[in-house]
C-alpha cells in the first residue's frame, strides 16, 4: 500500500527499530508535517 503525503517541511525523518544487531527492523516511525506515522 502506498500513501502520498503532502508536505511543506524542508525535511522529514524516518526511524527504524531493530530488536537486535543485524536483525531486520520490526517497526518504524516517520515524522512529517501532518504528524508521526508508526507501523510494525
C-alpha atoms as a PDB file:
ATOM      1  CA  UNK A   1       0.000   0.000   0.000  1.00  0.00           C
ATOM      2  CA  UNK A   2       1.229   3.481  -0.843  1.00  0.00           C
ATOM      3  CA  UNK A   3       0.113   6.823   0.582  1.00  0.00           C
ATOM      4  CA  UNK A   4       1.332  10.167  -0.703  1.00  0.00           C
ATOM      5  CA  UNK A   5       1.624  12.834   1.981  1.00  0.00           C
ATOM      6  CA  UNK A   6       1.671  16.493   1.024  1.00  0.00           C
ATOM      7  CA  UNK A   7       4.375  18.293   2.949  1.00  0.00           C
ATOM      8  CA  UNK A   8       5.807  21.813   3.041  1.00  0.00           C
ATOM      9  CA  UNK A   9       8.565  20.972   5.533  1.00  0.00           C
ATOM     10  CA  UNK A  10      12.049  21.001   4.031  1.00  0.00           C
ATOM     11  CA  UNK A  11      12.756  17.654   5.763  1.00  0.00           C
ATOM     12  CA  UNK A  12      11.214  14.588   7.355  1.00  0.00           C
ATOM     13  CA  UNK A  13      12.689  11.822   9.464  1.00  0.00           C
ATOM     14  CA  UNK A  14      12.170   8.070   9.407  1.00  0.00           C
ATOM     15  CA  UNK A  15      13.478   5.911  12.254  1.00  0.00           C
ATOM     16  CA  UNK A  16      13.581   2.088  12.294  1.00  0.00           C
ATOM     17  CA  UNK A  17      13.548  -0.146  15.379  1.00  0.00           C
ATOM     18  CA  UNK A  18      15.826  -3.190  15.281  1.00  0.00           C
ATOM     19  CA  UNK A  19      15.318  -5.745  18.089  1.00  0.00           C
ATOM     20  CA  UNK A  20      18.947  -6.927  17.865  1.00  0.00           C
ATOM     21  CA  UNK A  21      22.100  -6.086  15.900  1.00  0.00           C
ATOM     22  CA  UNK A  22      21.992  -7.452  12.330  1.00  0.00           C
ATOM     23  CA  UNK A  23      18.254  -8.205  12.651  1.00  0.00           C
ATOM     24  CA  UNK A  24      15.562  -6.927  10.321  1.00  0.00           C
ATOM     25  CA  UNK A  25      13.604  -3.914  11.588  1.00  0.00           C
ATOM     26  CA  UNK A  26      10.268  -4.734  13.241  1.00  0.00           C
ATOM     27  CA  UNK A  27       8.735  -1.244  13.301  1.00  0.00           C
ATOM     28  CA  UNK A  28       9.308   2.314  12.208  1.00  0.00           C
ATOM     29  CA  UNK A  29       8.241   5.860  12.948  1.00  0.00           C
ATOM     30  CA  UNK A  30       8.098   8.675  10.426  1.00  0.00           C
ATOM     31  CA  UNK A  31       7.950  12.345  11.402  1.00  0.00           C
ATOM     32  CA  UNK A  32       6.140  14.504   8.841  1.00  0.00           C
ATOM     33  CA  UNK A  33       4.343  17.838   8.823  1.00  0.00           C
ATOM     34  CA  UNK A  34       0.986  16.150   9.489  1.00  0.00           C
ATOM     35  CA  UNK A  35       2.271  14.107  12.449  1.00  0.00           C
ATOM     36  CA  UNK A  36       4.037  10.896  13.352  1.00  0.00           C
ATOM     37  CA  UNK A  37       3.230   7.709  11.460  1.00  0.00           C
ATOM     38  CA  UNK A  38       4.059   4.388  13.121  1.00  0.00           C
ATOM     39  CA  UNK A  39       3.841   0.850  11.753  1.00  0.00           C
ATOM     40  CA  UNK A  40       5.068  -2.644  12.537  1.00  0.00           C
END
